[in-house]
Amino acid sequence: MNERPEFVTLGSTVSAAENIVNWLKVELEGEKQPDRVEKVERHIGQFNTPDQVKSYMSGRGGSIRIAALRVRNIQNRRGMTGLVTWAAYIMMADFWGYPRDARCEVIAGRLARRISCREAAAGMKAERMAENISAENLWSGGLENLGITMWAVTWEQEFRLDDEINLSTLPEFLRLGASIVVNGQPVSDEPEIINVREGQTDE
């Protein structure tokens, strides 16, 4: 049996993203609750097609995916820091008779409040408070055909980039590498992006 080698993430946003995810989960993750979603998880980047959105929906309860889009003003004085542009993608379907557009917008507002509250910087282990927070409705005809509504909350925030985290301890990275198939067909036209660890196991 081969032991999977460790891979630490110094110089990246991975640890910061996990801190944000954990901070949001407390208020925004929960099953069968219309003002919460089934899953809050880190994401690999922007969504470009409706099929990509569909493949990451956790269920009719919806999901939130957190992605680092860019890092500016990288400095290495008393530790490596950078100003990160974040996007939180909120994806909803109709649930228990509540319209998906209303649920999605309400949860986007709750997320914006969560990252901007007084305790948020310490709770997310950020260097300072979130800035330039905005929310955008990403509705499109393609998403409408899939029965999905989507909002994005974006903001800028300075984080440390040299906090170590071992990817082998994070189960969601294994889920990112899963081949998602519905009725025998892949749900995405871009498996090379979604299946980042296709065929890899812990053995």
Foldseek 3Di string as FASTA:
>chain_A
DDADDWDKFFQDCVLLQVLLQVLCCVPADDPPDLLHAPEEEEDAEDDDALLVVVLPFPDQRWYKYKYWHDWPPWDQDVATKTKTKMKIKTKHADDPNRHGVVSQVSNLVVSVCSQQDPCNCVSSVFPDGWPPWDKAWPDDPRNVVVRMTMMMIITITMHGRGDIDIPVVDVVVVVQQDQDDDPRHGSDPCNVVSNVPHPDDRD
